[in-house]
């Protein structure tokens, strides 16, 4: 009985500690989702989380990436993801599928600007925003 109680205390403490860790939200397409990799653990998002933990930064990385996602699709999902995860940092990796679908660059650039504003409205601060296609 004491072992069961100790295990329960450890589980609750672990969940509490994880819930308090600041969140990095990765919001992208198949590149971030790890599509096509033999093991998703080999993707850059998981490698980032491992590196941050190894270096003692204490962030929890949430991968909300969807293979095949377009900028418009990401824009539609972003407010809910911000509300759900309350990230300290958001990494947006979108636009590749827009290019594959030959969507106009101006349309993509405008949507990326809107993505940044959605994060700004929710958090009140931006770290960085960019669009490789607009360069």
Protein backbone atom coordinates (compact mmCIF):
# COMPACT_ATOMS: atom_id res chain seq x y z
CA UNK A 1 0.00 0.00 0.00
CA UNK A 2 2.86 2.39 0.82
CA UNK A 3 4.46 1.66 -2.56
CA UNK A 4 1.21 2.40 -4.37
CA UNK A 5 0.85 5.69 -2.49
CA UNK A 6 4.49 6.64 -3.25
CA UNK A 7 3.97 5.84 -6.93
CA UNK A 8 0.82 7.94 -7.01
CA UNK A 9 2.64 10.88 -5.39
CA UNK A 10 5.46 10.61 -7.95
CA UNK A 11 3.00 10.54 -10.85
CA UNK A 12 1.13 13.60 -9.60
CA UNK A 13 4.39 15.47 -8.90
CA UNK A 14 5.74 14.61 -12.34
CA UNK A 15 2.55 15.76 -14.07
CA UNK A 16 2.55 18.97 -12.04
CA UNK A 17 6.19 19.72 -12.86
CA UNK A 18 5.59 19.06 -16.56
CA UNK A 19 2.50 21.27 -16.59
CA UNK A 20 4.49 24.15 -15.10
CA UNK A 21 7.31 23.96 -17.65
CA UNK A 22 7.11 26.74 -20.26
CA UNK A 23 5.90 25.49 -23.63
CA UNK A 24 7.46 25.85 -27.06
CA UNK A 25 4.72 25.24 -29.62
CA UNK A 26 5.93 23.98 -32.99
CA UNK A 27 3.28 24.62 -35.58
CA UNK A 28 4.17 23.36 -39.00
CA UNK A 29 3.74 20.94 -41.86
CA UNK A 30 5.29 17.57 -42.72
CA UNK A 31 8.82 18.88 -42.13
CA UNK A 32 8.01 19.43 -38.46
CA UNK A 33 5.63 16.47 -38.20
CA UNK A 34 8.45 14.12 -39.26
CA UNK A 35 6.61 12.73 -42.26
CA UNK A 36 8.58 10.03 -44.06
CA UNK A 37 11.07 9.42 -41.26
CA UNK A 38 11.59 5.84 -40.16
CA UNK A 39 11.12 7.04 -36.58
CA UNK A 40 9.46 10.34 -35.67
CA UNK A 41 12.00 10.66 -32.83
CA UNK A 42 14.58 11.49 -35.51
CA UNK A 43 12.71 14.65 -36.56
CA UNK A 44 14.03 18.11 -35.74
CA UNK A 45 11.29 18.85 -33.20
CA UNK A 46 12.14 15.84 -31.06
CA UNK A 47 15.86 16.58 -31.44
CA UNK A 48 15.18 20.15 -30.27
CA UNK A 49 13.34 18.92 -27.18
CA UNK A 50 16.12 16.45 -26.38
CA UNK A 51 18.77 19.15 -26.76
CA UNK A 52 16.86 21.63 -24.60
CA UNK A 53 16.41 19.02 -21.87
CA UNK A 54 20.07 17.99 -22.06
CA UNK A 55 21.16 21.62 -21.73
CA UNK A 56 18.80 22.14 -18.80
CA UNK A 57 16.47 24.74 -20.31
CA UNK A 58 13.33 23.16 -18.88
CA UNK A 59 11.00 23.76 -21.83
CA UNK A 60 8.30 21.33 -22.90
CA UNK A 61 8.04 21.12 -26.69
CA UNK A 62 4.57 20.52 -28.13
CA UNK A 63 4.48 19.46 -31.76
CA UNK A 64 1.16 20.58 -33.28
CA UNK A 65 2.38 20.03 -36.85
CA UNK A 66 0.22 18.38 -39.52
CA UNK A 67 1.60 16.80 -42.68
CA UNK A 68 0.21 18.54 -45.75
CA UNK A 69 -0.74 21.68 -43.80
CA UNK A 70 -1.04 24.92 -45.75
CA UNK A 71 -0.64 28.40 -44.35
CA UNK A 72 -4.41 28.89 -44.51
CA UNK A 73 -4.99 25.62 -42.66
CA UNK A 74 -2.43 26.59 -40.04
CA UNK A 75 -4.07 29.98 -39.64
CA UNK A 76 -7.40 28.28 -38.98
CA UNK A 77 -5.89 26.01 -36.29
CA UNK A 78 -3.53 28.48 -34.62
CA UNK A 79 -5.91 30.30 -32.23
CA UNK A 80 -7.11 27.01 -30.72
CA UNK A 81 -3.54 25.72 -30.30
CA UNK A 82 -2.53 28.96 -28.56
CA UNK A 83 -5.51 28.71 -26.25
CA UNK A 84 -4.88 25.05 -25.49
CA UNK A 85 -1.10 25.13 -24.89
CA UNK A 86 -0.39 28.71 -23.69
CA UNK A 87 3.08 28.69 -25.30
CA UNK A 88 5.93 30.93 -24.24
CA UNK A 89 7.48 30.52 -27.72
CA UNK A 90 5.82 29.63 -31.04
CA UNK A 91 7.79 28.29 -33.98
CA UNK A 92 5.83 28.59 -37.24
CA UNK A 93 7.04 26.38 -40.07
CA UNK A 94 4.46 26.74 -42.83
CA UNK A 95 4.40 27.59 -46.51
CA UNK A 96 6.03 24.61 -48.21
CA UNK A 97 2.72 23.06 -49.19
CA UNK A 98 1.48 26.42 -50.44
CA UNK A 99 4.41 26.38 -52.87
CA UNK A 100 3.73 22.79 -53.91
CA UNK A 101 0.14 23.79 -54.67
CA UNK A 102 1.32 26.87 -56.58
CA UNK A 103 -0.59 29.26 -54.33
CA UNK A 104 0.32 32.91 -54.97
CA UNK A 105 3.25 34.17 -52.87
CA UNK A 106 1.37 37.36 -51.96
CA UNK A 107 -1.48 35.26 -50.53
CA UNK A 108 1.00 33.19 -48.51
CA UNK A 109 2.83 36.27 -47.23
CA UNK A 110 -0.40 37.89 -46.11
CA UNK A 111 -1.45 34.77 -44.24
CA UNK A 112 1.91 34.51 -42.50
CA UNK A 113 1.56 38.12 -41.35
CA UNK A 114 -1.85 37.23 -39.94
CA UNK A 115 -0.35 34.19 -38.15
CA UNK A 116 2.09 36.51 -36.42
CA UNK A 117 -0.67 38.89 -35.38
CA UNK A 118 -2.70 36.00 -33.92
CA UNK A 119 0.26 35.10 -31.72
CA UNK A 120 0.74 38.74 -30.81
CA UNK A 121 -2.89 39.14 -29.80
CA UNK A 122 -2.68 36.07 -27.58
CA UNK A 123 0.71 36.64 -25.98
CA UNK A 124 1.40 40.35 -26.39
CA UNK A 125 4.92 39.76 -27.72
CA UNK A 126 6.65 38.42 -30.82
CA UNK A 127 10.06 36.81 -30.88
CA UNK A 128 10.47 36.51 -34.65
CA UNK A 129 8.33 36.04 -37.72
CA UNK A 130 9.32 35.36 -41.29
CA UNK A 131 8.35 33.91 -44.60
CA UNK A 132 10.98 32.28 -46.78
CA UNK A 133 8.85 32.80 -49.89
CA UNK A 134 8.61 36.55 -49.33
CA UNK A 135 12.39 37.03 -49.26
